[in-house]
Amino acid sequence: MLIAADRRIFVGRRPGMEQTGWQMPQGGIDKGESPVEAACRELAEEVGTARALLLRESARWLTYTVPERLRPVHWRGRWDGQAQKWFALAFTGRDSDIDLDAHEREFDEWKWVTAREMLDGVVPFKRAIYDAVVKEFADLIS
């Protein structure tokens, strides 16, 4: 969770998902990486900046399941969702530091939103995990 100085949250929109494609940056952990190293790498790849300070790590891993009809064919039944470790990061840069083209583009648009706006814009199957993250980091975003 990338948090601006005014306590709004960064969200990016997945291409082709105009209504419910807004989400926070996320990604996998590469071999040999710790969860916090992966979070920093994913931030740089998806948002195009590493201008952030670690505030807190979630107390536990959170999981979600992707509905079967939405699972990519290339998963070939090997996965059905994700277990995630979340980190709250304070954004220390300027909006101009955000570069969605810095790596393979994963978002087609981005914005800063309140926690309520973020929860209203997330895909339904991720709503519970986002609720949990908002509750855990509530003191940082409210």
Protein backbone atom coordinates (compact mmCIF):
# COMPACT_ATOMS: atom_id res chain seq x y z
CA MET A 1 0.00 0.00 0.00
CA LEU A 2 1.65 3.19 -1.21
CA ILE A 3 0.41 6.11 0.89
CA ALA A 4 0.69 9.78 -0.09
CA ALA A 5 1.39 12.55 2.41
CA ASP A 6 -2.34 13.37 2.49
CA ARG A 7 -3.07 9.72 3.42
CA ARG A 8 -4.61 8.77 0.08
CA ILE A 9 -3.68 5.43 -1.48
CA PHE A 10 -2.13 4.71 -4.88
CA VAL A 11 -4.23 2.54 -7.19
CA GLY A 12 -3.62 1.55 -10.77
CA ARG A 13 -6.10 0.29 -13.32
CA ARG A 14 -5.49 -2.97 -15.15
CA PRO A 15 -5.86 -2.56 -18.92
CA GLY A 16 -9.30 -3.52 -20.22
CA MET A 17 -10.92 -3.38 -16.80
CA GLU A 18 -12.45 0.10 -16.74
CA GLN A 19 -15.03 -0.52 -13.99
CA THR A 20 -13.39 -2.89 -11.49
CA GLY A 21 -9.77 -3.03 -12.51
CA TRP A 22 -8.40 -0.66 -9.87
CA GLN A 23 -5.95 -2.21 -7.46
CA MET A 24 -2.87 -1.58 -5.38
CA PRO A 25 0.49 -2.76 -6.70
CA GLN A 26 1.17 -6.42 -5.96
CA GLY A 27 3.24 -9.28 -7.25
CA GLY A 28 5.16 -12.43 -6.64
CA ILE A 29 8.26 -13.16 -4.65
CA ASP A 30 11.26 -14.21 -6.73
CA LYS A 31 13.56 -17.00 -5.57
CA GLY A 32 15.98 -15.67 -2.96
CA GLU A 33 13.90 -12.55 -2.20
CA SER A 34 12.34 -11.68 1.13
CA PRO A 35 8.73 -10.42 1.08
CA VAL A 36 9.84 -6.82 1.71
CA GLU A 37 12.43 -7.01 -1.08
CA ALA A 38 9.72 -8.28 -3.42
CA ALA A 39 7.39 -5.46 -2.37
CA CYS A 40 10.04 -2.85 -3.17
CA ARG A 41 10.88 -4.48 -6.51
CA GLU A 42 7.22 -4.74 -7.48
CA LEU A 43 6.67 -1.08 -6.55
CA ALA A 44 9.53 -0.04 -8.82
CA GLU A 45 8.26 -2.27 -11.64
CA GLU A 46 4.55 -1.44 -11.46
CA VAL A 47 4.66 2.18 -10.31
CA GLY A 48 8.02 3.15 -11.74
CA THR A 49 9.47 4.58 -8.56
CA ALA A 50 11.22 3.41 -5.42
CA ARG A 51 10.62 6.70 -3.61
CA ALA A 52 9.02 5.23 -0.52
CA LEU A 53 9.77 4.46 3.10
CA LEU A 54 8.62 1.28 4.82
CA LEU A 55 6.11 2.04 7.55
CA ARG A 56 4.78 -1.36 8.53
CA GLU A 57 4.37 -5.00 7.52
CA SER A 58 1.06 -6.83 7.88
CA ALA A 59 0.89 -9.11 10.89
CA ARG A 60 -0.21 -12.10 8.82
CA TRP A 61 -0.45 -13.44 5.31
CA LEU A 62 -3.78 -12.77 3.59
CA THR A 63 -5.28 -14.94 0.86
CA TYR A 64 -7.83 -14.65 -1.90
CA THR A 65 -9.22 -16.99 -4.53
CA VAL A 66 -9.72 -15.99 -8.15
CA PRO A 67 -13.11 -17.17 -9.46
CA GLU A 68 -12.60 -20.09 -11.83
CA ARG A 69 -14.09 -18.23 -14.79
CA LEU A 70 -11.48 -15.47 -14.39
CA ARG A 71 -8.38 -17.65 -14.05
CA PRO A 72 -5.97 -17.28 -16.96
CA VAL A 73 -5.66 -20.30 -19.22
CA HIS A 74 -1.87 -20.29 -18.77
CA TRP A 75 -2.36 -21.16 -15.06
CA ARG A 76 -3.51 -24.62 -16.27
CA GLY A 77 -5.19 -25.37 -12.96
CA ARG A 78 -1.94 -24.99 -10.98
CA TRP A 79 -3.12 -21.95 -9.02
CA ASP A 80 -6.41 -20.55 -7.84
CA GLY A 81 -5.36 -17.38 -6.02
CA GLN A 82 -2.63 -15.81 -3.93
CA ALA A 83 -1.30 -15.56 -0.41
CA GLN A 84 -0.02 -12.05 0.16
CA LYS A 85 2.08 -10.22 2.71
CA TRP A 86 1.22 -6.52 2.71
CA PHE A 87 3.43 -3.52 3.41
CA ALA A 88 2.48 0.09 4.10
CA LEU A 89 4.89 2.46 2.38
CA ALA A 90 5.03 6.26 2.64
CA PHE A 91 5.45 7.86 -0.79
CA THR A 92 8.36 10.30 -0.58
CA GLY A 93 8.39 11.50 -4.17
CA ARG A 94 6.30 13.70 -6.42
CA ASP A 95 3.56 12.56 -8.77
CA SER A 96 5.98 13.17 -11.64
CA ASP A 97 8.18 10.38 -10.21
CA ILE A 98 5.50 7.83 -11.07
CA ASP A 99 6.23 6.19 -14.42
CA LEU A 100 3.92 3.38 -15.51
CA ASP A 101 6.21 2.71 -18.50
CA ALA A 102 9.37 2.12 -16.41
CA HIS A 103 8.93 -1.64 -16.82
CA GLU A 104 6.45 -3.92 -18.55
CA ARG A 105 3.27 -1.86 -18.24
CA GLU A 106 0.77 -3.37 -15.82
CA PHE A 107 -1.51 -0.35 -15.32
CA ASP A 108 -3.01 1.92 -17.96
CA GLU A 109 -3.94 4.66 -15.51
CA TRP A 110 -3.33 5.57 -11.87
CA LYS A 111 -4.68 7.87 -9.18
CA TRP A 112 -4.64 8.64 -5.46
CA VAL A 113 -7.84 7.63 -3.65
CA THR A 114 -9.30 7.40 -0.18
CA ALA A 115 -9.67 4.00 1.44
CA ARG A 116 -13.43 4.08 0.74
CA GLU A 117 -12.88 4.90 -2.95
CA MET A 118 -10.33 2.10 -3.20
CA LEU A 119 -12.69 -0.43 -1.67
CA ASP A 120 -15.50 0.66 -3.99
CA GLY A 121 -13.28 0.19 -7.07
CA VAL A 122 -11.65 -3.17 -6.39
CA VAL A 123 -12.70 -6.41 -8.09
CA PRO A 124 -15.21 -8.21 -5.86
CA PHE A 125 -13.02 -11.27 -5.21
CA LYS A 126 -10.29 -9.05 -3.69
CA ARG A 127 -12.67 -7.00 -1.52
CA ALA A 128 -12.18 -9.04 1.67
CA ILE A 129 -8.38 -8.88 1.46
CA TYR A 130 -8.48 -5.13 0.81
CA ASP A 131 -10.85 -4.67 3.77
CA ALA A 132 -8.33 -6.48 5.97
CA VAL A 133 -5.42 -4.36 4.71
CA VAL A 134 -7.38 -1.13 5.28
CA LYS A 135 -8.23 -2.20 8.84
CA GLU A 136 -4.66 -3.18 9.61
CA PHE A 137 -3.20 0.10 8.32
CA ALA A 138 -6.17 2.31 9.31
CA ASP A 139 -4.07 4.60 11.52
CA LEU A 140 -1.85 5.40 8.53
CA ILE A 141 -4.63 6.25 6.09
CA SER A 142 -7.34 7.95 8.13
